[in-house]
N, C-alpha and C. Protein backbone atom coordinates (compact mmCIF):
# COMPACT_ATOMS: atom_id res chain seq x y z
N UNK A 1 10.02 -71.84 -158.11
CA UNK A 1 10.79 -70.82 -157.43
C UNK A 1 10.31 -70.63 -155.99
N UNK A 2 8.98 -70.69 -155.81
CA UNK A 2 8.41 -70.55 -154.48
C UNK A 2 8.86 -71.71 -153.59
N UNK A 3 8.95 -72.91 -154.17
CA UNK A 3 9.37 -74.08 -153.40
C UNK A 3 10.82 -73.93 -152.92
N UNK A 4 11.67 -73.40 -153.78
CA UNK A 4 13.08 -73.21 -153.41
C UNK A 4 13.20 -72.17 -152.30
N UNK A 5 12.48 -71.06 -152.44
CA UNK A 5 12.51 -70.01 -151.43
C UNK A 5 11.98 -70.53 -150.10
N UNK A 6 10.86 -71.23 -150.16
CA UNK A 6 10.27 -71.80 -148.95
C UNK A 6 11.23 -72.81 -148.31
N UNK A 7 11.88 -73.62 -149.12
CA UNK A 7 12.84 -74.61 -148.60
C UNK A 7 14.03 -73.93 -147.93
N UNK A 8 14.53 -72.84 -148.55
CA UNK A 8 15.65 -72.11 -147.97
C UNK A 8 15.27 -71.46 -146.65
N UNK A 9 14.05 -70.91 -146.57
CA UNK A 9 13.58 -70.30 -145.32
C UNK A 9 13.48 -71.36 -144.23
N UNK A 10 12.93 -72.51 -144.57
CA UNK A 10 12.79 -73.60 -143.58
C UNK A 10 14.17 -74.09 -143.14
N UNK A 11 15.09 -74.21 -144.08
CA UNK A 11 16.45 -74.67 -143.76
C UNK A 11 17.14 -73.67 -142.82
N UNK A 12 16.99 -72.38 -143.13
CA UNK A 12 17.60 -71.36 -142.29
C UNK A 12 17.00 -71.39 -140.89
N UNK A 13 15.69 -71.60 -140.78
CA UNK A 13 15.03 -71.68 -139.48
C UNK A 13 15.55 -72.87 -138.68
N UNK A 14 15.68 -74.01 -139.32
CA UNK A 14 16.18 -75.21 -138.65
C UNK A 14 17.62 -75.01 -138.20
N UNK A 15 18.45 -74.43 -139.06
CA UNK A 15 19.86 -74.21 -138.68
C UNK A 15 19.98 -73.22 -137.53
N UNK A 16 19.17 -72.16 -137.53
CA UNK A 16 19.20 -71.20 -136.42
C UNK A 16 18.76 -71.85 -135.13
N UNK A 17 17.74 -72.68 -135.19
CA UNK A 17 17.25 -73.36 -133.99
C UNK A 17 18.29 -74.33 -133.47
N UNK A 18 18.96 -75.02 -134.36
CA UNK A 18 19.98 -75.99 -133.95
C UNK A 18 21.20 -75.29 -133.36
N UNK A 19 21.49 -74.08 -133.81
CA UNK A 19 22.66 -73.35 -133.31
C UNK A 19 22.42 -72.75 -131.93
N UNK A 20 21.18 -72.62 -131.52
CA UNK A 20 20.87 -72.05 -130.22
C UNK A 20 21.31 -73.02 -129.12
N UNK A 21 21.96 -72.48 -128.13
CA UNK A 21 22.38 -73.29 -126.99
C UNK A 21 21.15 -73.52 -126.11
N UNK A 22 20.87 -74.75 -125.74
CA UNK A 22 19.68 -74.98 -124.93
C UNK A 22 19.82 -74.31 -123.57
N UNK A 23 18.72 -73.73 -123.11
CA UNK A 23 18.71 -73.10 -121.79
C UNK A 23 18.83 -74.18 -120.74
N UNK A 24 19.61 -73.89 -119.73
CA UNK A 24 19.80 -74.87 -118.66
C UNK A 24 18.66 -74.77 -117.65
N UNK A 25 18.21 -75.89 -117.21
CA UNK A 25 17.18 -75.94 -116.18
C UNK A 25 17.81 -76.25 -114.83
N UNK A 26 19.12 -76.33 -114.82
CA UNK A 26 19.83 -76.64 -113.58
C UNK A 26 19.81 -75.43 -112.65
N UNK A 27 19.58 -75.64 -111.37
CA UNK A 27 19.67 -74.51 -110.44
C UNK A 27 21.13 -74.09 -110.28
N UNK A 28 21.34 -72.79 -110.18
CA UNK A 28 22.70 -72.27 -110.01
C UNK A 28 23.22 -72.69 -108.64
N UNK A 29 24.45 -73.21 -108.58
CA UNK A 29 25.02 -73.61 -107.28
C UNK A 29 25.04 -72.44 -106.31
N UNK A 30 24.81 -72.74 -105.04
CA UNK A 30 24.69 -71.70 -104.01
C UNK A 30 26.00 -71.48 -103.26
N UNK A 31 27.06 -71.26 -103.98
CA UNK A 31 28.33 -70.95 -103.35
C UNK A 31 28.32 -69.49 -102.91
N UNK A 32 28.97 -69.17 -101.78
CA UNK A 32 28.97 -67.79 -101.30
C UNK A 32 29.90 -66.91 -102.15
N UNK A 33 29.35 -65.81 -102.65
CA UNK A 33 30.13 -64.86 -103.46
C UNK A 33 30.33 -63.58 -102.64
N UNK A 34 31.57 -63.16 -102.47
CA UNK A 34 31.86 -61.92 -101.75
C UNK A 34 31.40 -60.74 -102.60
N UNK A 35 30.63 -59.85 -102.00
CA UNK A 35 30.08 -58.70 -102.73
C UNK A 35 31.16 -57.72 -103.17
N UNK A 36 32.24 -57.64 -102.42
CA UNK A 36 33.31 -56.69 -102.74
C UNK A 36 34.25 -57.24 -103.81
N UNK A 37 34.69 -58.48 -103.65
CA UNK A 37 35.69 -59.05 -104.57
C UNK A 37 35.05 -59.82 -105.72
N UNK A 38 33.80 -60.22 -105.57
CA UNK A 38 33.08 -61.05 -106.55
C UNK A 38 33.73 -62.41 -106.73
N UNK A 39 34.41 -62.88 -105.68
CA UNK A 39 35.03 -64.21 -105.69
C UNK A 39 34.24 -65.14 -104.77
N UNK A 40 34.27 -66.42 -105.08
CA UNK A 40 33.70 -67.41 -104.17
C UNK A 40 34.52 -67.34 -102.89
N UNK A 41 33.84 -67.05 -101.76
CA UNK A 41 34.54 -66.86 -100.50
C UNK A 41 33.72 -67.43 -99.35
N UNK A 42 34.31 -68.37 -98.66
CA UNK A 42 33.71 -68.92 -97.43
C UNK A 42 34.39 -68.20 -96.28
N UNK A 43 33.60 -67.48 -95.49
CA UNK A 43 34.19 -66.75 -94.37
C UNK A 43 33.19 -66.71 -93.22
N UNK A 44 33.71 -66.91 -92.02
CA UNK A 44 32.86 -66.84 -90.84
C UNK A 44 33.73 -66.58 -89.62
N UNK A 45 33.12 -65.90 -88.64
CA UNK A 45 33.75 -65.72 -87.33
C UNK A 45 33.02 -66.67 -86.40
N UNK A 46 33.76 -67.54 -85.76
CA UNK A 46 33.19 -68.56 -84.88
C UNK A 46 33.57 -68.24 -83.44
N UNK A 47 32.57 -68.14 -82.59
CA UNK A 47 32.84 -67.90 -81.17
C UNK A 47 33.29 -69.21 -80.53
N UNK A 48 34.45 -69.14 -79.89
CA UNK A 48 35.01 -70.30 -79.23
C UNK A 48 35.86 -69.80 -78.07
N UNK A 49 35.54 -70.24 -76.87
CA UNK A 49 36.28 -69.76 -75.70
C UNK A 49 37.75 -70.18 -75.79
N UNK A 50 38.59 -69.24 -75.41
CA UNK A 50 40.02 -69.51 -75.38
C UNK A 50 40.82 -68.27 -75.73
N UNK A 51 42.05 -68.27 -75.31
CA UNK A 51 42.96 -67.17 -75.66
C UNK A 51 43.37 -67.35 -77.11
N UNK A 52 43.89 -66.29 -77.73
CA UNK A 52 44.37 -66.45 -79.11
C UNK A 52 45.40 -67.57 -79.25
N UNK A 53 46.29 -67.69 -78.28
CA UNK A 53 47.35 -68.72 -78.33
C UNK A 53 46.75 -70.13 -78.23
N UNK A 54 45.78 -70.31 -77.33
CA UNK A 54 45.13 -71.62 -77.18
C UNK A 54 44.41 -71.99 -78.47
N UNK A 55 43.67 -71.04 -79.06
CA UNK A 55 42.95 -71.31 -80.31
C UNK A 55 43.92 -71.57 -81.46
N UNK A 56 45.03 -70.82 -81.49
CA UNK A 56 46.05 -71.03 -82.51
C UNK A 56 46.63 -72.44 -82.41
N UNK A 57 46.93 -72.88 -81.19
CA UNK A 57 47.48 -74.22 -80.99
C UNK A 57 46.49 -75.30 -81.43
N UNK A 58 45.20 -75.11 -81.11
CA UNK A 58 44.18 -76.06 -81.56
C UNK A 58 44.10 -76.07 -83.09
N UNK A 59 44.20 -74.89 -83.69
CA UNK A 59 44.14 -74.80 -85.15
C UNK A 59 45.32 -75.54 -85.78
N UNK A 60 46.50 -75.37 -85.23
CA UNK A 60 47.68 -76.07 -85.76
C UNK A 60 47.54 -77.58 -85.59
N UNK A 61 46.99 -78.01 -84.47
CA UNK A 61 46.76 -79.44 -84.25
C UNK A 61 45.79 -79.97 -85.29
N UNK A 62 44.71 -79.21 -85.56
CA UNK A 62 43.72 -79.63 -86.56
C UNK A 62 44.36 -79.69 -87.95
N UNK A 63 45.14 -78.68 -88.31
CA UNK A 63 45.79 -78.64 -89.62
C UNK A 63 46.65 -79.89 -89.82
N UNK A 64 47.40 -80.26 -88.78
CA UNK A 64 48.29 -81.42 -88.88
C UNK A 64 47.52 -82.72 -89.01
N UNK A 65 46.31 -82.78 -88.45
CA UNK A 65 45.48 -83.99 -88.58
C UNK A 65 44.75 -84.02 -89.91
N UNK A 66 44.26 -82.87 -90.36
CA UNK A 66 43.41 -82.81 -91.55
C UNK A 66 44.19 -82.97 -92.86
N UNK A 67 45.33 -82.31 -92.94
CA UNK A 67 46.11 -82.33 -94.18
C UNK A 67 47.23 -83.35 -94.08
N UNK A 68 47.45 -84.08 -95.16
CA UNK A 68 48.47 -85.12 -95.17
C UNK A 68 49.88 -84.53 -95.14
N UNK A 69 50.11 -83.48 -95.92
CA UNK A 69 51.44 -82.90 -96.00
C UNK A 69 51.38 -81.43 -95.57
N UNK A 70 51.47 -81.19 -94.28
CA UNK A 70 51.32 -79.83 -93.77
C UNK A 70 52.45 -78.90 -94.24
N UNK A 71 53.63 -79.44 -94.50
CA UNK A 71 54.73 -78.59 -94.97
C UNK A 71 54.41 -77.98 -96.33
N UNK A 72 53.64 -78.68 -97.15
CA UNK A 72 53.25 -78.17 -98.45
C UNK A 72 52.06 -77.22 -98.34
N UNK A 73 51.16 -77.49 -97.41
CA UNK A 73 49.92 -76.72 -97.28
C UNK A 73 50.14 -75.40 -96.56
N UNK A 74 50.83 -75.43 -95.43
CA UNK A 74 51.01 -74.22 -94.63
C UNK A 74 52.07 -73.34 -95.30
N UNK A 75 51.64 -72.15 -95.71
CA UNK A 75 52.56 -71.21 -96.35
C UNK A 75 53.21 -70.29 -95.32
N UNK A 76 52.46 -69.95 -94.27
CA UNK A 76 53.04 -69.17 -93.17
C UNK A 76 52.21 -69.40 -91.92
N UNK A 77 52.89 -69.43 -90.80
CA UNK A 77 52.23 -69.60 -89.50
C UNK A 77 52.90 -68.66 -88.52
N UNK A 78 52.14 -67.67 -88.05
CA UNK A 78 52.67 -66.66 -87.14
C UNK A 78 52.05 -66.87 -85.76
N UNK A 79 52.84 -67.43 -84.83
CA UNK A 79 52.31 -67.74 -83.50
C UNK A 79 52.13 -66.48 -82.65
N UNK A 80 52.79 -65.37 -82.98
CA UNK A 80 52.58 -64.14 -82.21
C UNK A 80 51.30 -63.42 -82.63
N UNK A 81 51.02 -63.41 -83.93
CA UNK A 81 49.77 -62.81 -84.42
C UNK A 81 48.63 -63.83 -84.46
N UNK A 82 48.96 -65.09 -84.24
CA UNK A 82 47.99 -66.20 -84.24
C UNK A 82 47.24 -66.30 -85.57
N UNK A 83 48.02 -66.34 -86.67
CA UNK A 83 47.46 -66.42 -88.02
C UNK A 83 48.16 -67.55 -88.78
N UNK A 84 47.36 -68.33 -89.49
CA UNK A 84 47.89 -69.41 -90.33
C UNK A 84 47.39 -69.17 -91.75
N UNK A 85 48.31 -69.11 -92.72
CA UNK A 85 47.97 -68.98 -94.14
C UNK A 85 48.31 -70.29 -94.83
N UNK A 86 47.33 -70.79 -95.60
CA UNK A 86 47.52 -72.08 -96.26
C UNK A 86 47.10 -72.00 -97.72
N UNK A 87 47.59 -72.94 -98.50
CA UNK A 87 47.19 -73.12 -99.90
C UNK A 87 46.99 -74.62 -100.08
N UNK A 88 45.77 -74.99 -100.44
CA UNK A 88 45.49 -76.41 -100.62
C UNK A 88 44.60 -76.60 -101.84
N UNK A 89 44.04 -77.78 -101.98
CA UNK A 89 43.26 -78.07 -103.18
C UNK A 89 42.17 -79.10 -102.91
N UNK A 90 41.22 -79.14 -103.83
CA UNK A 90 40.19 -80.18 -103.87
C UNK A 90 40.21 -80.76 -105.27
N UNK A 91 39.76 -81.98 -105.40
CA UNK A 91 39.72 -82.64 -106.70
C UNK A 91 38.28 -82.62 -107.20
N UNK A 92 38.13 -82.38 -108.51
CA UNK A 92 36.80 -82.44 -109.13
C UNK A 92 36.76 -83.59 -110.11
N UNK A 93 35.55 -84.12 -110.32
CA UNK A 93 35.36 -85.31 -111.15
C UNK A 93 34.33 -85.05 -112.23
N UNK A 94 34.53 -85.72 -113.37
CA UNK A 94 33.58 -85.66 -114.48
C UNK A 94 32.85 -86.99 -114.57
N UNK A 95 31.55 -86.90 -114.84
CA UNK A 95 30.74 -88.11 -114.98
C UNK A 95 30.87 -88.62 -116.41
N UNK A 96 31.24 -89.88 -116.54
CA UNK A 96 31.39 -90.50 -117.85
C UNK A 96 30.04 -91.01 -118.36
N UNK A 97 30.00 -91.37 -119.63
CA UNK A 97 28.74 -91.85 -120.23
C UNK A 97 28.21 -93.10 -119.53
N UNK A 98 29.11 -93.94 -119.02
CA UNK A 98 28.67 -95.15 -118.34
C UNK A 98 28.31 -94.90 -116.88
N UNK A 99 28.39 -93.62 -116.43
CA UNK A 99 27.99 -93.27 -115.07
C UNK A 99 29.13 -93.24 -114.06
N UNK A 100 30.31 -93.72 -114.45
CA UNK A 100 31.44 -93.71 -113.52
C UNK A 100 32.01 -92.29 -113.43
N UNK A 101 32.66 -92.02 -112.33
CA UNK A 101 33.27 -90.71 -112.12
C UNK A 101 34.77 -90.82 -112.38
N UNK A 102 35.30 -89.90 -113.18
CA UNK A 102 36.71 -89.89 -113.50
C UNK A 102 37.31 -88.56 -113.06
N UNK A 103 38.49 -88.60 -112.46
CA UNK A 103 39.14 -87.38 -112.00
C UNK A 103 39.32 -86.43 -113.18
N UNK A 104 38.87 -85.19 -113.00
CA UNK A 104 38.96 -84.19 -114.06
C UNK A 104 40.16 -83.28 -113.86
N UNK A 105 40.24 -82.67 -112.66
CA UNK A 105 41.33 -81.74 -112.41
C UNK A 105 41.39 -81.41 -110.92
N UNK A 106 42.27 -80.49 -110.58
CA UNK A 106 42.45 -80.03 -109.21
C UNK A 106 42.11 -78.55 -109.17
N UNK A 107 41.44 -78.14 -108.09
CA UNK A 107 41.12 -76.73 -107.88
C UNK A 107 41.83 -76.28 -106.60
N UNK A 108 42.69 -75.28 -106.73
CA UNK A 108 43.43 -74.75 -105.59
C UNK A 108 42.66 -73.63 -104.92
N UNK A 109 42.91 -73.44 -103.62
CA UNK A 109 42.28 -72.36 -102.87
C UNK A 109 43.23 -71.85 -101.79
N UNK A 110 43.00 -70.62 -101.35
CA UNK A 110 43.73 -70.04 -100.22
C UNK A 110 42.86 -70.15 -98.98
N UNK A 111 43.51 -70.43 -97.86
CA UNK A 111 42.79 -70.66 -96.60
C UNK A 111 43.55 -69.93 -95.50
N UNK A 112 42.85 -69.01 -94.84
CA UNK A 112 43.46 -68.22 -93.77
C UNK A 112 42.68 -68.44 -92.48
N UNK A 113 43.41 -68.75 -91.40
CA UNK A 113 42.82 -68.91 -90.07
C UNK A 113 43.42 -67.84 -89.16
N UNK A 114 42.55 -67.05 -88.51
CA UNK A 114 42.99 -66.00 -87.61
C UNK A 114 42.33 -66.23 -86.25
N UNK A 115 43.12 -66.17 -85.19
CA UNK A 115 42.61 -66.43 -83.84
C UNK A 115 42.69 -65.16 -82.99
N UNK A 116 41.60 -64.88 -82.31
CA UNK A 116 41.51 -63.75 -81.38
C UNK A 116 40.91 -64.27 -80.08
N UNK A 117 40.80 -63.39 -79.11
CA UNK A 117 40.23 -63.76 -77.81
C UNK A 117 38.79 -64.26 -78.00
N UNK A 118 38.56 -65.52 -77.63
CA UNK A 118 37.24 -66.16 -77.66
C UNK A 118 36.59 -66.23 -79.04
N UNK A 119 37.38 -66.21 -80.11
CA UNK A 119 36.84 -66.37 -81.45
C UNK A 119 37.96 -66.63 -82.44
N UNK A 120 37.57 -67.21 -83.57
CA UNK A 120 38.50 -67.37 -84.67
C UNK A 120 37.74 -67.11 -85.97
N UNK A 121 38.48 -66.76 -87.00
CA UNK A 121 37.86 -66.51 -88.30
C UNK A 121 38.59 -67.32 -89.36
N UNK A 122 37.82 -67.94 -90.23
CA UNK A 122 38.40 -68.61 -91.39
C UNK A 122 37.96 -67.89 -92.64
N UNK A 123 38.84 -67.84 -93.63
CA UNK A 123 38.55 -67.27 -94.93
C UNK A 123 39.12 -68.23 -95.97
N UNK A 124 38.23 -68.76 -96.81
CA UNK A 124 38.64 -69.69 -97.86
C UNK A 124 38.21 -69.06 -99.18
N UNK A 125 39.18 -68.72 -100.04
CA UNK A 125 38.87 -67.99 -101.27
C UNK A 125 39.93 -68.23 -102.34
N UNK A 126 39.86 -67.48 -103.42
CA UNK A 126 40.81 -67.56 -104.55
C UNK A 126 40.87 -68.98 -105.14
N UNK A 127 39.72 -69.51 -105.50
CA UNK A 127 39.64 -70.83 -106.11
C UNK A 127 40.05 -70.74 -107.57
N UNK A 128 41.03 -71.56 -107.97
CA UNK A 128 41.50 -71.59 -109.35
C UNK A 128 41.73 -73.03 -109.78
N UNK A 129 41.20 -73.35 -110.95
CA UNK A 129 41.47 -74.67 -111.52
C UNK A 129 42.90 -74.70 -112.02
N UNK A 130 43.56 -75.83 -111.81
CA UNK A 130 44.94 -75.96 -112.27
C UNK A 130 44.96 -75.87 -113.80
N UNK A 131 45.71 -74.92 -114.30
CA UNK A 131 45.85 -74.72 -115.74
C UNK A 131 47.15 -73.96 -115.98
N UNK A 132 47.45 -73.69 -117.25
CA UNK A 132 48.68 -72.96 -117.56
C UNK A 132 48.62 -71.53 -117.02
N UNK A 133 47.44 -70.94 -117.02
CA UNK A 133 47.26 -69.62 -116.40
C UNK A 133 46.08 -69.74 -115.44
N UNK A 134 45.91 -68.74 -114.61
CA UNK A 134 44.84 -68.78 -113.61
C UNK A 134 43.49 -68.99 -114.29
N UNK A 135 42.75 -69.95 -113.80
CA UNK A 135 41.42 -70.26 -114.34
C UNK A 135 40.42 -70.22 -113.19
N UNK A 136 39.95 -69.02 -112.83
CA UNK A 136 39.05 -68.89 -111.68
C UNK A 136 37.73 -69.62 -111.89
N UNK A 137 37.25 -70.25 -110.83
CA UNK A 137 36.00 -71.01 -110.95
C UNK A 137 34.78 -70.10 -111.10
N UNK A 138 34.92 -68.82 -110.82
CA UNK A 138 33.80 -67.90 -111.00
C UNK A 138 33.33 -67.87 -112.45
N UNK A 139 34.22 -68.21 -113.39
CA UNK A 139 33.83 -68.28 -114.81
C UNK A 139 32.80 -69.38 -115.06
N UNK A 140 32.74 -70.37 -114.19
CA UNK A 140 31.81 -71.47 -114.39
C UNK A 140 30.36 -71.07 -114.13
N UNK A 141 30.14 -69.89 -113.56
CA UNK A 141 28.78 -69.39 -113.35
C UNK A 141 28.22 -68.73 -114.61
N UNK A 142 29.07 -68.41 -115.56
CA UNK A 142 28.67 -67.65 -116.75
C UNK A 142 28.05 -68.57 -117.80
N UNK A 143 26.73 -68.74 -117.72
CA UNK A 143 26.04 -69.64 -118.64
C UNK A 143 25.97 -69.08 -120.06
N UNK A 144 26.23 -67.78 -120.23
CA UNK A 144 26.19 -67.20 -121.58
C UNK A 144 27.52 -67.37 -122.32
N UNK A 145 28.51 -67.94 -121.66
CA UNK A 145 29.81 -68.17 -122.29
C UNK A 145 29.70 -69.30 -123.30
N UNK A 146 30.38 -69.17 -124.44
CA UNK A 146 30.34 -70.27 -125.42
C UNK A 146 31.02 -71.54 -124.91
N UNK A 147 31.81 -71.42 -123.84
CA UNK A 147 32.53 -72.56 -123.29
C UNK A 147 31.80 -73.22 -122.12
N UNK A 148 30.65 -72.65 -121.73
CA UNK A 148 29.93 -73.16 -120.57
C UNK A 148 29.29 -74.51 -120.88
N UNK A 149 29.28 -75.39 -119.86
CA UNK A 149 28.57 -76.67 -119.98
C UNK A 149 27.94 -76.98 -118.61
N UNK A 150 26.87 -77.76 -118.60
CA UNK A 150 26.22 -78.10 -117.33
C UNK A 150 27.16 -78.78 -116.33
N UNK A 151 28.18 -79.45 -116.82
CA UNK A 151 29.11 -80.12 -115.92
C UNK A 151 29.84 -79.12 -115.02
N UNK A 152 29.94 -77.85 -115.44
CA UNK A 152 30.60 -76.86 -114.60
C UNK A 152 29.81 -76.60 -113.32
N UNK A 153 28.48 -76.64 -113.42
CA UNK A 153 27.65 -76.52 -112.21
C UNK A 153 27.90 -77.71 -111.29
N UNK A 154 28.06 -78.88 -111.86
CA UNK A 154 28.35 -80.08 -111.05
C UNK A 154 29.69 -79.93 -110.34
N UNK A 155 30.68 -79.39 -111.04
CA UNK A 155 32.00 -79.18 -110.42
C UNK A 155 31.91 -78.18 -109.27
N UNK A 156 31.13 -77.11 -109.46
CA UNK A 156 30.94 -76.13 -108.39
C UNK A 156 30.29 -76.78 -107.18
N UNK A 157 29.31 -77.64 -107.41
CA UNK A 157 28.65 -78.34 -106.30
C UNK A 157 29.62 -79.28 -105.59
N UNK A 158 30.51 -79.93 -106.35
CA UNK A 158 31.51 -80.80 -105.74
C UNK A 158 32.46 -80.00 -104.85
N UNK A 159 32.88 -78.84 -105.32
CA UNK A 159 33.76 -77.97 -104.53
C UNK A 159 33.05 -77.54 -103.26
N UNK A 160 31.80 -77.10 -103.39
CA UNK A 160 31.02 -76.64 -102.24
C UNK A 160 30.91 -77.75 -101.19
N UNK A 161 30.64 -78.95 -101.62
CA UNK A 161 30.50 -80.08 -100.69
C UNK A 161 31.81 -80.32 -99.94
N UNK A 162 32.93 -80.33 -100.66
CA UNK A 162 34.22 -80.61 -100.03
C UNK A 162 34.64 -79.49 -99.06
N UNK A 163 34.36 -78.25 -99.42
CA UNK A 163 34.73 -77.13 -98.54
C UNK A 163 33.85 -77.14 -97.29
N UNK A 164 32.57 -77.46 -97.44
CA UNK A 164 31.70 -77.54 -96.26
C UNK A 164 32.13 -78.67 -95.33
N UNK A 165 32.62 -79.78 -95.87
CA UNK A 165 33.16 -80.86 -95.04
C UNK A 165 34.41 -80.39 -94.31
N UNK A 166 35.25 -79.61 -94.99
CA UNK A 166 36.45 -79.04 -94.36
C UNK A 166 36.05 -78.13 -93.20
N UNK A 167 35.07 -77.26 -93.41
CA UNK A 167 34.62 -76.32 -92.37
C UNK A 167 34.04 -77.08 -91.18
N UNK A 168 33.29 -78.13 -91.46
CA UNK A 168 32.72 -78.96 -90.39
C UNK A 168 33.83 -79.60 -89.56
N UNK A 169 34.85 -80.12 -90.24
CA UNK A 169 35.98 -80.72 -89.54
C UNK A 169 36.73 -79.68 -88.71
N UNK A 170 36.92 -78.49 -89.27
CA UNK A 170 37.59 -77.41 -88.55
C UNK A 170 36.82 -77.05 -87.28
N UNK A 171 35.50 -76.92 -87.40
CA UNK A 171 34.66 -76.56 -86.26
C UNK A 171 34.81 -77.58 -85.14
N UNK A 172 34.82 -78.86 -85.49
CA UNK A 172 35.02 -79.92 -84.49
C UNK A 172 36.42 -79.87 -83.91
N UNK A 173 37.42 -79.61 -84.76
CA UNK A 173 38.81 -79.57 -84.32
C UNK A 173 39.13 -78.41 -83.41
N UNK A 174 38.33 -77.35 -83.49
CA UNK A 174 38.58 -76.17 -82.65
C UNK A 174 37.90 -76.25 -81.28
N UNK A 175 37.12 -77.30 -81.06
CA UNK A 175 36.50 -77.48 -79.75
C UNK A 175 37.56 -77.88 -78.73
N UNK A 176 37.37 -77.52 -77.46
CA UNK A 176 38.36 -77.94 -76.46
C UNK A 176 38.37 -79.46 -76.34
N UNK A 177 39.54 -80.03 -76.10
CA UNK A 177 39.61 -81.48 -75.97
C UNK A 177 38.84 -81.96 -74.74
N UNK A 178 38.24 -83.12 -74.89
CA UNK A 178 37.50 -83.69 -73.76
C UNK A 178 38.49 -84.13 -72.68
N UNK A 179 38.15 -83.82 -71.45
CA UNK A 179 38.99 -84.21 -70.32
C UNK A 179 38.38 -85.48 -69.74
N UNK A 180 39.16 -86.52 -69.73
CA UNK A 180 38.71 -87.81 -69.24
C UNK A 180 39.37 -88.07 -67.91
N UNK A 181 38.54 -88.22 -66.89
CA UNK A 181 39.08 -88.52 -65.57
C UNK A 181 38.82 -90.00 -65.28
N UNK A 182 39.86 -90.68 -65.01
CA UNK A 182 39.77 -92.11 -64.72
C UNK A 182 39.58 -92.28 -63.21
N UNK A 183 38.34 -92.50 -62.82
CA UNK A 183 38.04 -92.70 -61.40
C UNK A 183 37.91 -94.20 -61.14
N UNK A 184 38.81 -94.71 -60.41
CA UNK A 184 38.75 -96.15 -60.14
C UNK A 184 38.89 -96.46 -58.71
């Protein structure tokens, strides 16, 4: 009888240990979270000499170069208020067992560019994975969720990398064009 009881206790211990989700040792991705909205939000005011109209024109030129289909991306462009509202996306990939990367899904985001005298502001937020209903990426930070997996941290890092590349391109695109004088 003691052997059966001891065996049942050991079995229960093993099953409980196996049911525990292993703690992740992965560092949490360092995406910017807005304190007010609790959404991933990239936002900055960049000082750049120029009138609102000049900065708006540079922004539109950059948008047309950066995005393949500007008619789909630009949702509204107000040249009097010097504001551009866009909706675009980034692609995320899953790592396969053989190490290759396979396209997993698309994550959409809202992008707003506002131009003022000698400065412009960008706001990139409302990230949602394409699904039947809104699937905000902020859920991927919740490691206590039964649906959480380490690959979600990898997806967040992929998004962060692509958005930082977009911001870098925007910063370069908003610089005044180089004036080349041909002296011959």
